[in-house]
Amino acid sequence: MSPLAVPVAVLAAALLHAAWNALAHGMTDKLVGFAVINVAAAGGGALLAVAAPVPDRAAWPFLAASTVLQVGYQLLLLQAYRLGDFGQMYPIARGTSPMVVALLALTVLGTPLHGTRLLGVLVVSLGLAGLAFAGGLPGRAQLPALAAAAGTGVLIAGYTVVDGVGVRRAGAADGYIAWLFLVEGVAMVLTVALLRGRGLVAQARGSWLTGLGGGVLSLVAYGLVVWAQTAGDLATIAALRETSIVIAAVIGAVVLREGLGRVRLAASGAVLAGIALLGLGHG
């Protein structure tokens, strides 16, 4: 296998992840759009579940907890996308997560933060502050968007930790991933159906192509990361994966015509650099 295969796969996953989020941000009815994206996720999970082993019974509580966290994450993410610019909301959501994981390791697990990891937390913090204050001091109207993006990052950290334990209890990583996609997808669709009622299918008519496309991009992106994790260094993969932060900032500026500006671009780069330092410190 070429030594470039793993980094190319991870960078492709980062691009696809930013792309499906940009599609979700651009949907007029984001709640219905997320439901359609999850139809694709559930379908992909069902196909994988046919071929993969059923997870061990010990993993099911973690699957249930992760499903709750992932539904909450999606609801908060779509709220952030309703209220704020994609090029600002996506980096804040993605950047908050590794910092929260590092702080949880310090406060809950008693893992000290020093050297590279401490520097990583500080750099991520500066980057997130730069993103939040890129347009000046946020007014009261901007606070809900910033809170939704930061809350999204907290929930990403939550399901990352839960899945990290759950996949080890499952006995088979592919079985855990398959059932996670299936259960999470069904749960999100049912949640949207409860919120929107019987008219959901009719409301989704204009969202099927974009939503299913976003769902497929999401599945392929995650599949590339999982494959890379079986063949490459985990810390390097984690750092490369978060290049999606800068990719999202560029998509926001070039495709969605949002203001990028030097401050927002520099802040996105700082978040990416801080995450890389956290990954090196962990490795």
C-alpha atoms as a PDB file:
ATOM      1  CA  MET A   1       0.000   0.000   0.000  1.00  0.00           C
ATOM      2  CA  SER A   2       1.251   3.465  -0.875  1.00  0.00           C
ATOM      3  CA  PRO A   3       2.381   5.534   2.150  1.00  0.00           C
ATOM      4  CA  LEU A   4       0.148   8.318   0.817  1.00  0.00           C
ATOM      5  CA  ALA A   5      -2.995   6.161   0.863  1.00  0.00           C
ATOM      6  CA  VAL A   6      -3.944   6.845   4.503  1.00  0.00           C
ATOM      7  CA  PRO A   7      -3.413  10.644   4.532  1.00  0.00           C
ATOM      8  CA  VAL A   8      -5.166  10.993   1.168  1.00  0.00           C
ATOM      9  CA  ALA A   9      -8.132   8.962   2.477  1.00  0.00           C
ATOM     10  CA  VAL A  10      -8.375  11.066   5.644  1.00  0.00           C
ATOM     11  CA  LEU A  11      -8.119  14.354   3.739  1.00  0.00           C
ATOM     12  CA  ALA A  12     -10.833  13.111   1.370  1.00  0.00           C
ATOM     13  CA  ALA A  13     -12.978  12.271   4.410  1.00  0.00           C
ATOM     14  CA  ALA A  14     -12.414  15.785   5.783  1.00  0.00           C
ATOM     15  CA  LEU A  15     -13.514  17.296   2.467  1.00  0.00           C
ATOM     16  CA  LEU A  16     -16.621  15.082   2.308  1.00  0.00           C
ATOM     17  CA  HIS A  17     -17.539  15.859   5.918  1.00  0.00           C
ATOM     18  CA  ALA A  18     -17.321  19.595   5.319  1.00  0.00           C
ATOM     19  CA  ALA A  19     -19.255  19.163   2.065  1.00  0.00           C
ATOM     20  CA  TRP A  20     -22.211  17.305   3.605  1.00  0.00           C
ATOM     21  CA  ASN A  21     -22.409  19.872   6.384  1.00  0.00           C
ATOM     22  CA  ALA A  22     -22.425  22.650   3.781  1.00  0.00           C
ATOM     23  CA  LEU A  23     -25.292  20.880   1.990  1.00  0.00           C
ATOM     24  CA  ALA A  24     -27.180  20.656   5.293  1.00  0.00           C
ATOM     25  CA  HIS A  25     -26.560  24.345   6.002  1.00  0.00           C
ATOM     26  CA  GLY A  26     -27.902  25.293   2.580  1.00  0.00           C
ATOM     27  CA  MET A  27     -31.212  23.455   2.985  1.00  0.00           C
ATOM     28  CA  THR A  28     -34.232  25.726   3.338  1.00  0.00           C
ATOM     29  CA  ASP A  29     -35.979  23.407   5.802  1.00  0.00           C
ATOM     30  CA  LYS A  30     -33.033  22.113   7.809  1.00  0.00           C
ATOM     31  CA  LEU A  31     -35.039  19.917  10.190  1.00  0.00           C
ATOM     32  CA  VAL A  32     -36.606  17.967   7.329  1.00  0.00           C
ATOM     33  CA  GLY A  33     -33.256  17.938   5.535  1.00  0.00           C
ATOM     34  CA  PHE A  34     -31.579  16.276   8.512  1.00  0.00           C
ATOM     35  CA  ALA A  35     -34.338  13.668   8.540  1.00  0.00           C
ATOM     36  CA  VAL A  36     -33.616  12.809   4.896  1.00  0.00           C
ATOM     37  CA  ILE A  37     -29.869  12.648   5.589  1.00  0.00           C
ATOM     38  CA  ASN A  38     -30.647  10.136   8.332  1.00  0.00           C
ATOM     39  CA  VAL A  39     -32.751   8.024   5.978  1.00  0.00           C
ATOM     40  CA  ALA A  40     -29.540   7.465   4.018  1.00  0.00           C
ATOM     41  CA  ALA A  41     -27.592   6.827   7.236  1.00  0.00           C
ATOM     42  CA  ALA A  42     -30.141   4.257   8.448  1.00  0.00           C
ATOM     43  CA  GLY A  43     -30.188   2.565   5.042  1.00  0.00           C
ATOM     44  CA  GLY A  44     -26.409   2.335   4.965  1.00  0.00           C
ATOM     45  CA  GLY A  45     -26.380   1.029   8.523  1.00  0.00           C
ATOM     46  CA  ALA A  46     -28.950  -1.637   7.658  1.00  0.00           C
ATOM     47  CA  LEU A  47     -26.849  -2.840   4.703  1.00  0.00           C
ATOM     48  CA  LEU A  48     -23.743  -3.007   6.874  1.00  0.00           C
ATOM     49  CA  ALA A  49     -25.634  -4.771   9.689  1.00  0.00           C
ATOM     50  CA  VAL A  50     -26.542  -7.647   7.351  1.00  0.00           C
ATOM     51  CA  ALA A  51     -22.874  -8.472   6.825  1.00  0.00           C
ATOM     52  CA  ALA A  52     -21.427  -7.463  10.204  1.00  0.00           C
ATOM     53  CA  PRO A  53     -21.606  -9.352  13.525  1.00  0.00           C
ATOM     54  CA  VAL A  54     -24.218  -8.241  16.038  1.00  0.00           C
ATOM     55  CA  PRO A  55     -22.531  -6.216  18.820  1.00  0.00           C
ATOM     56  CA  ASP A  56     -22.077  -7.910  22.183  1.00  0.00           C
ATOM     57  CA  ARG A  57     -24.837  -7.279  24.731  1.00  0.00           C
ATOM     58  CA  ALA A  58     -22.434  -5.184  26.824  1.00  0.00           C
ATOM     59  CA  ALA A  59     -22.251  -2.585  24.032  1.00  0.00           C
ATOM     60  CA  TRP A  60     -25.981  -1.894  23.734  1.00  0.00           C
ATOM     61  CA  PRO A  61     -26.220   0.592  26.641  1.00  0.00           C
ATOM     62  CA  PHE A  62     -23.473   2.599  24.938  1.00  0.00           C
ATOM     63  CA  LEU A  63     -25.306   2.408  21.610  1.00  0.00           C
ATOM     64  CA  ALA A  64     -28.431   3.744  23.330  1.00  0.00           C
ATOM     65  CA  ALA A  65     -26.536   6.558  25.060  1.00  0.00           C
ATOM     66  CA  SER A  66     -24.724   7.483  21.850  1.00  0.00           C
ATOM     67  CA  THR A  67     -28.014   7.581  19.946  1.00  0.00           C
ATOM     68  CA  VAL A  68     -29.498  10.051  22.429  1.00  0.00           C
ATOM     69  CA  LEU A  69     -26.375  12.220  22.257  1.00  0.00           C
ATOM     70  CA  GLN A  70     -26.243  12.082  18.452  1.00  0.00           C
ATOM     71  CA  VAL A  71     -29.878  13.093  18.068  1.00  0.00           C
ATOM     72  CA  GLY A  72     -29.268  16.000  20.435  1.00  0.00           C
ATOM     73  CA  TYR A  73     -26.107  16.916  18.521  1.00  0.00           C
ATOM     74  CA  GLN A  74     -27.963  17.046  15.219  1.00  0.00           C
ATOM     75  CA  LEU A  75     -30.778  19.160  16.634  1.00  0.00           C
ATOM     76  CA  LEU A  76     -28.278  21.641  18.080  1.00  0.00           C
ATOM     77  CA  LEU A  77     -26.203  21.654  14.890  1.00  0.00           C
ATOM     78  CA  LEU A  78     -29.174  22.468  12.671  1.00  0.00           C
ATOM     79  CA  GLN A  79     -30.114  25.239  15.096  1.00  0.00           C
ATOM     80  CA  ALA A  80     -26.590  26.653  14.794  1.00  0.00           C
ATOM     81  CA  TYR A  81     -26.881  26.486  10.998  1.00  0.00           C
ATOM     82  CA  ARG A  82     -30.234  28.262  11.127  1.00  0.00           C
ATOM     83  CA  LEU A  83     -28.785  31.137  13.132  1.00  0.00           C
ATOM     84  CA  GLY A  84     -25.189  31.567  11.973  1.00  0.00           C
ATOM     85  CA  ASP A  85     -22.745  31.452   9.075  1.00  0.00           C
ATOM     86  CA  PHE A  86     -21.492  28.012   8.076  1.00  0.00           C
ATOM     87  CA  GLY A  87     -17.864  29.206   8.023  1.00  0.00           C
ATOM     88  CA  GLN A  88     -18.186  30.262  11.663  1.00  0.00           C
ATOM     89  CA  MET A  89     -20.526  27.635  13.143  1.00  0.00           C
ATOM     90  CA  TYR A  90     -18.779  24.543  11.758  1.00  0.00           C
ATOM     91  CA  PRO A  91     -15.279  25.404  13.083  1.00  0.00           C
ATOM     92  CA  ILE A  92     -16.669  26.310  16.511  1.00  0.00           C
ATOM     93  CA  ALA A  93     -18.626  23.048  16.727  1.00  0.00           C
ATOM     94  CA  ARG A  94     -15.712  20.897  15.572  1.00  0.00           C
ATOM     95  CA  GLY A  95     -13.108  22.824  17.559  1.00  0.00           C
ATOM     96  CA  THR A  96     -14.971  22.760  20.861  1.00  0.00           C
ATOM     97  CA  SER A  97     -15.138  18.964  20.914  1.00  0.00           C
ATOM     98  CA  PRO A  98     -11.450  17.970  21.283  1.00  0.00           C
ATOM     99  CA  MET A  99     -10.923  20.686  23.869  1.00  0.00           C
ATOM    100  CA  VAL A 100     -13.849  19.349  25.938  1.00  0.00           C
ATOM    101  CA  VAL A 101     -12.460  15.804  25.659  1.00  0.00           C
ATOM    102  CA  ALA A 102      -9.082  17.047  26.925  1.00  0.00           C
ATOM    103  CA  LEU A 103     -10.716  18.897  29.828  1.00  0.00           C
ATOM    104  CA  LEU A 104     -12.826  15.836  30.700  1.00  0.00           C
ATOM    105  CA  ALA A 105      -9.643  13.774  30.771  1.00  0.00           C
ATOM    106  CA  LEU A 106      -8.229  16.296  33.251  1.00  0.00           C
ATOM    107  CA  THR A 107     -11.265  16.685  35.526  1.00  0.00           C
ATOM    108  CA  VAL A 108     -12.866  13.218  35.371  1.00  0.00           C
ATOM    109  CA  LEU A 109      -9.989  10.852  34.640  1.00  0.00           C
ATOM    110  CA  GLY A 110      -7.307  12.857  36.426  1.00  0.00           C
ATOM    111  CA  THR A 111      -5.055  12.908  33.353  1.00  0.00           C
ATOM    112  CA  PRO A 112      -2.739  15.924  33.719  1.00  0.00           C
ATOM    113  CA  LEU A 113      -2.513  18.513  30.952  1.00  0.00           C
ATOM    114  CA  HIS A 114       1.047  19.587  30.400  1.00  0.00           C
ATOM    115  CA  GLY A 115       3.491  20.295  27.606  1.00  0.00           C
ATOM    116  CA  THR A 116       2.046  19.821  24.138  1.00  0.00           C
ATOM    117  CA  ARG A 117      -1.487  19.058  25.296  1.00  0.00           C
ATOM    118  CA  LEU A 118      -1.706  22.161  27.472  1.00  0.00           C
ATOM    119  CA  LEU A 119      -0.408  24.264  24.573  1.00  0.00           C
ATOM    120  CA  GLY A 120      -3.012  22.605  22.327  1.00  0.00           C
ATOM    121  CA  VAL A 121      -5.866  23.567  24.674  1.00  0.00           C
ATOM    122  CA  LEU A 122      -4.625  27.158  24.810  1.00  0.00           C
ATOM    123  CA  VAL A 123      -4.284  27.427  21.005  1.00  0.00           C
ATOM    124  CA  VAL A 124      -7.742  25.926  20.409  1.00  0.00           C
ATOM    125  CA  SER A 125      -9.184  28.340  22.969  1.00  0.00           C
ATOM    126  CA  LEU A 126      -7.602  31.306  21.197  1.00  0.00           C
ATOM    127  CA  GLY A 127      -8.874  30.050  17.842  1.00  0.00           C
ATOM    128  CA  LEU A 128     -12.416  29.602  19.130  1.00  0.00           C
ATOM    129  CA  ALA A 129     -12.328  33.075  20.675  1.00  0.00           C
ATOM    130  CA  GLY A 130     -11.123  34.456  17.349  1.00  0.00           C
ATOM    131  CA  LEU A 131     -14.023  32.797  15.542  1.00  0.00           C
ATOM    132  CA  ALA A 132     -16.540  34.080  18.078  1.00  0.00           C
ATOM    133  CA  PHE A 133     -15.183  37.644  17.981  1.00  0.00           C
ATOM    134  CA  ALA A 134     -14.180  37.791  14.293  1.00  0.00           C
ATOM    135  CA  GLY A 135     -16.899  40.354  13.588  1.00  0.00           C
ATOM    136  CA  GLY A 136     -16.338  42.287  16.808  1.00  0.00           C
ATOM    137  CA  LEU A 137     -17.976  41.808  20.182  1.00  0.00           C
ATOM    138  CA  PRO A 138     -21.001  39.494  19.618  1.00  0.00           C
ATOM    139  CA  GLY A 139     -24.354  41.155  20.191  1.00  0.00           C
ATOM    140  CA  ARG A 140     -27.256  39.576  22.026  1.00  0.00           C
ATOM    141  CA  ALA A 141     -28.682  38.376  18.693  1.00  0.00           C
ATOM    142  CA  GLN A 142     -25.538  36.329  17.957  1.00  0.00           C
ATOM    143  CA  LEU A 143     -25.304  34.606  21.320  1.00  0.00           C
ATOM    144  CA  PRO A 144     -27.875  31.836  20.571  1.00  0.00           C
ATOM    145  CA  ALA A 145     -25.942  30.805  17.433  1.00  0.00           C
ATOM    146  CA  LEU A 146     -22.624  30.730  19.294  1.00  0.00           C
ATOM    147  CA  ALA A 147     -24.186  28.791  22.174  1.00  0.00           C
ATOM    148  CA  ALA A 148     -25.720  26.247  19.778  1.00  0.00           C
ATOM    149  CA  ALA A 149     -22.374  25.721  18.019  1.00  0.00           C
ATOM    150  CA  ALA A 150     -20.480  25.335  21.310  1.00  0.00           C
ATOM    151  CA  GLY A 151     -23.198  23.007  22.653  1.00  0.00           C
ATOM    152  CA  THR A 152     -22.856  20.933  19.488  1.00  0.00           C
ATOM    153  CA  GLY A 153     -19.161  20.533  20.223  1.00  0.00           C
ATOM    154  CA  VAL A 154     -19.899  19.398  23.780  1.00  0.00           C
ATOM    155  CA  LEU A 155     -22.278  16.707  22.497  1.00  0.00           C
ATOM    156  CA  ILE A 156     -19.727  15.611  19.869  1.00  0.00           C
ATOM    157  CA  ALA A 157     -17.257  15.143  22.721  1.00  0.00           C
ATOM    158  CA  GLY A 158     -19.891  13.193  24.643  1.00  0.00           C
ATOM    159  CA  TYR A 159     -20.689  10.667  21.936  1.00  0.00           C
ATOM    160  CA  THR A 160     -16.996  10.388  21.013  1.00  0.00           C
ATOM    161  CA  VAL A 161     -16.190   9.219  24.547  1.00  0.00           C
ATOM    162  CA  VAL A 162     -19.248   6.940  24.708  1.00  0.00           C
ATOM    163  CA  ASP A 163     -18.483   5.333  21.336  1.00  0.00           C
ATOM    164  CA  GLY A 164     -14.825   4.935  22.286  1.00  0.00           C
ATOM    165  CA  VAL A 165     -15.908   2.721  25.204  1.00  0.00           C
ATOM    166  CA  GLY A 166     -18.833   1.086  23.400  1.00  0.00           C
ATOM    167  CA  VAL A 167     -16.886  -0.087  20.374  1.00  0.00           C
ATOM    168  CA  ARG A 168     -14.439  -1.867  22.700  1.00  0.00           C
ATOM    169  CA  ARG A 169     -17.322  -3.688  24.419  1.00  0.00           C
ATOM    170  CA  ALA A 170     -18.937  -4.658  21.094  1.00  0.00           C
ATOM    171  CA  GLY A 171     -16.490  -7.367  20.103  1.00  0.00           C
ATOM    172  CA  ALA A 172     -16.578  -6.137  16.487  1.00  0.00           C
ATOM    173  CA  ALA A 173     -16.092  -2.536  15.384  1.00  0.00           C
ATOM    174  CA  ASP A 174     -17.991  -2.995  12.111  1.00  0.00           C
ATOM    175  CA  GLY A 175     -21.029  -4.364  13.940  1.00  0.00           C
ATOM    176  CA  TYR A 176     -21.059  -1.456  16.379  1.00  0.00           C
ATOM    177  CA  ILE A 177     -20.738   1.111  13.567  1.00  0.00           C
ATOM    178  CA  ALA A 178     -23.473  -0.564  11.496  1.00  0.00           C
ATOM    179  CA  TRP A 179     -25.995  -0.636  14.338  1.00  0.00           C
ATOM    180  CA  LEU A 180     -25.048   2.876  15.421  1.00  0.00           C
ATOM    181  CA  PHE A 181     -25.884   4.255  11.969  1.00  0.00           C
ATOM    182  CA  LEU A 182     -29.092   2.221  11.829  1.00  0.00           C
ATOM    183  CA  VAL A 183     -30.398   3.054  15.312  1.00  0.00           C
ATOM    184  CA  GLU A 184     -29.297   6.689  15.213  1.00  0.00           C
ATOM    185  CA  GLY A 185     -30.806   7.213  11.759  1.00  0.00           C
ATOM    186  CA  VAL A 186     -34.155   5.710  12.735  1.00  0.00           C
ATOM    187  CA  ALA A 187     -34.216   7.672  16.018  1.00  0.00           C
ATOM    188  CA  MET A 188     -33.579  10.990  14.236  1.00  0.00           C
ATOM    189  CA  VAL A 189     -36.237  10.337  11.607  1.00  0.00           C
ATOM    190  CA  LEU A 190     -38.762   9.430  14.322  1.00  0.00           C
ATOM    191  CA  THR A 191     -37.828  12.569  16.284  1.00  0.00           C
ATOM    192  CA  VAL A 192     -38.458  14.787  13.248  1.00  0.00           C
ATOM    193  CA  ALA A 193     -41.712  12.912  12.542  1.00  0.00           C
ATOM    194  CA  LEU A 194     -42.899  13.646  16.077  1.00  0.00           C
ATOM    195  CA  LEU A 195     -42.023  17.320  15.649  1.00  0.00           C
ATOM    196  CA  ARG A 196     -43.569  17.696  12.186  1.00  0.00           C
ATOM    197  CA  GLY A 197     -46.405  15.183  12.239  1.00  0.00           C
ATOM    198  CA  ARG A 198     -47.920  13.282   9.343  1.00  0.00           C
ATOM    199  CA  GLY A 199     -46.946  15.857   6.738  1.00  0.00           C
ATOM    200  CA  LEU A 200     -43.244  15.012   6.962  1.00  0.00           C
ATOM    201  CA  VAL A 201     -43.101  13.036   3.705  1.00  0.00           C
ATOM    202  CA  ALA A 202     -44.803  15.832   1.785  1.00  0.00           C
ATOM    203  CA  GLN A 203     -42.499  18.417   3.376  1.00  0.00           C
ATOM    204  CA  ALA A 204     -39.473  16.383   2.322  1.00  0.00           C
ATOM    205  CA  ARG A 205     -40.300  16.405  -1.403  1.00  0.00           C
ATOM    206  CA  GLY A 206     -37.859  19.173  -2.205  1.00  0.00           C
ATOM    207  CA  SER A 207     -35.113  17.784   0.035  1.00  0.00           C
ATOM    208  CA  TRP A 208     -34.689  14.191  -1.111  1.00  0.00           C
ATOM    209  CA  LEU A 209     -31.889  14.683  -3.630  1.00  0.00           C
ATOM    210  CA  THR A 210     -29.794  16.996  -1.454  1.00  0.00           C
ATOM    211  CA  GLY A 211     -30.528  15.093   1.763  1.00  0.00           C
ATOM    212  CA  LEU A 212     -29.743  11.643   0.386  1.00  0.00           C
ATOM    213  CA  GLY A 213     -26.616  13.056  -1.245  1.00  0.00           C
ATOM    214  CA  GLY A 214     -25.539  14.498   2.098  1.00  0.00           C
ATOM    215  CA  GLY A 215     -26.253  11.186   3.822  1.00  0.00           C
ATOM    216  CA  VAL A 216     -24.141   9.250   1.314  1.00  0.00           C
ATOM    217  CA  LEU A 217     -21.271  11.752   1.693  1.00  0.00           C
ATOM    218  CA  SER A 218     -21.494  11.326   5.473  1.00  0.00           C
ATOM    219  CA  LEU A 219     -21.344   7.532   5.229  1.00  0.00           C
ATOM    220  CA  VAL A 220     -18.403   7.546   2.817  1.00  0.00           C
ATOM    221  CA  ALA A 221     -16.523  10.090   4.945  1.00  0.00           C
ATOM    222  CA  TYR A 222     -16.926   8.012   8.099  1.00  0.00           C
ATOM    223  CA  GLY A 223     -16.051   4.811   6.237  1.00  0.00           C
ATOM    224  CA  LEU A 224     -12.792   6.344   4.989  1.00  0.00           C
ATOM    225  CA  VAL A 225     -11.868   7.395   8.538  1.00  0.00           C
ATOM    226  CA  VAL A 226     -12.625   3.936   9.941  1.00  0.00           C
ATOM    227  CA  TRP A 227     -10.516   2.310   7.224  1.00  0.00           C
ATOM    228  CA  ALA A 228      -7.667   4.757   7.866  1.00  0.00           C
ATOM    229  CA  GLN A 229      -7.753   3.978  11.593  1.00  0.00           C
ATOM    230  CA  THR A 230      -7.020   0.320  10.827  1.00  0.00           C
ATOM    231  CA  ALA A 231      -3.964   1.224   8.742  1.00  0.00           C
ATOM    232  CA  GLY A 232      -2.422   4.413  10.154  1.00  0.00           C
ATOM    233  CA  ASP A 233      -1.387   6.331  13.255  1.00  0.00           C
ATOM    234  CA  LEU A 234      -4.436   7.446  15.251  1.00  0.00           C
ATOM    235  CA  ALA A 235      -3.038  10.803  16.420  1.00  0.00           C
ATOM    236  CA  THR A 236      -2.026  11.777  12.883  1.00  0.00           C
ATOM    237  CA  ILE A 237      -5.409  10.691  11.520  1.00  0.00           C
ATOM    238  CA  ALA A 238      -7.260  12.718  14.158  1.00  0.00           C
ATOM    239  CA  ALA A 239      -5.272  15.829  13.297  1.00  0.00           C
ATOM    240  CA  LEU A 240      -5.666  15.388   9.532  1.00  0.00           C
ATOM    241  CA  ARG A 241      -9.391  14.762   9.934  1.00  0.00           C
ATOM    242  CA  GLU A 242      -9.897  18.183  11.460  1.00  0.00           C
ATOM    243  CA  THR A 243      -8.568  19.918   8.342  1.00  0.00           C
ATOM    244  CA  SER A 244     -12.298  19.959   7.601  1.00  0.00           C
ATOM    245  CA  ILE A 245     -12.367  23.092   9.797  1.00  0.00           C
ATOM    246  CA  VAL A 246     -10.321  25.087   7.294  1.00  0.00           C
ATOM    247  CA  ILE A 247     -12.089  23.426   4.342  1.00  0.00           C
ATOM    248  CA  ALA A 248     -15.430  24.518   5.809  1.00  0.00           C
ATOM    249  CA  ALA A 249     -14.196  28.093   6.197  1.00  0.00           C
ATOM    250  CA  VAL A 250     -13.182  28.127   2.525  1.00  0.00           C
ATOM    251  CA  ILE A 251     -16.514  26.557   1.423  1.00  0.00           C
ATOM    252  CA  GLY A 252     -18.353  29.197   3.428  1.00  0.00           C
ATOM    253  CA  ALA A 253     -16.449  31.978   1.672  1.00  0.00           C
ATOM    254  CA  VAL A 254     -16.239  30.632  -1.888  1.00  0.00           C
ATOM    255  CA  VAL A 255     -19.435  28.595  -2.294  1.00  0.00           C
ATOM    256  CA  LEU A 256     -21.849  30.133   0.215  1.00  0.00           C
ATOM    257  CA  ARG A 257     -20.547  33.697  -0.303  1.00  0.00           C
ATOM    258  CA  GLU A 258     -20.037  34.308   3.408  1.00  0.00           C
ATOM    259  CA  GLY A 259     -17.450  36.778   4.570  1.00  0.00           C
ATOM    260  CA  LEU A 260     -14.212  34.967   5.362  1.00  0.00           C
ATOM    261  CA  GLY A 261     -11.772  37.689   6.351  1.00  0.00           C
ATOM    262  CA  ARG A 262      -8.259  37.330   7.700  1.00  0.00           C
ATOM    263  CA  VAL A 263      -9.361  37.007  11.315  1.00  0.00           C
ATOM    264  CA  ARG A 264     -11.782  34.121  10.686  1.00  0.00           C
ATOM    265  CA  LEU A 265      -9.294  32.301   8.448  1.00  0.00           C
ATOM    266  CA  ALA A 266      -6.485  32.746  10.977  1.00  0.00           C
ATOM    267  CA  ALA A 267      -8.778  31.622  13.807  1.00  0.00           C
ATOM    268  CA  SER A 268      -9.780  28.488  11.863  1.00  0.00           C
ATOM    269  CA  GLY A 269      -6.105  27.745  11.291  1.00  0.00           C
ATOM    270  CA  ALA A 270      -5.400  28.219  15.014  1.00  0.00           C
ATOM    271  CA  VAL A 271      -8.157  25.753  15.950  1.00  0.00           C
ATOM    272  CA  LEU A 272      -6.693  23.228  13.497  1.00  0.00           C
ATOM    273  CA  ALA A 273      -3.159  23.748  14.866  1.00  0.00           C
ATOM    274  CA  GLY A 274      -4.386  23.363  18.453  1.00  0.00           C
ATOM    275  CA  ILE A 275      -6.169  20.102  17.619  1.00  0.00           C
ATOM    276  CA  ALA A 276      -2.972  18.825  15.994  1.00  0.00           C
ATOM    277  CA  LEU A 277      -1.062  19.644  19.192  1.00  0.00           C
ATOM    278  CA  LEU A 278      -3.684  17.818  21.278  1.00  0.00           C
ATOM    279  CA  GLY A 279      -3.290  14.791  19.017  1.00  0.00           C
ATOM    280  CA  LEU A 280       0.506  14.858  19.296  1.00  0.00           C
ATOM    281  CA  GLY A 281       0.285  15.226  23.060  1.00  0.00           C
ATOM    282  CA  HIS A 282      -2.057  12.256  23.270  1.00  0.00           C
ATOM    283  CA  GLY A 283       0.141  10.153  21.045  1.00  0.00           C
END
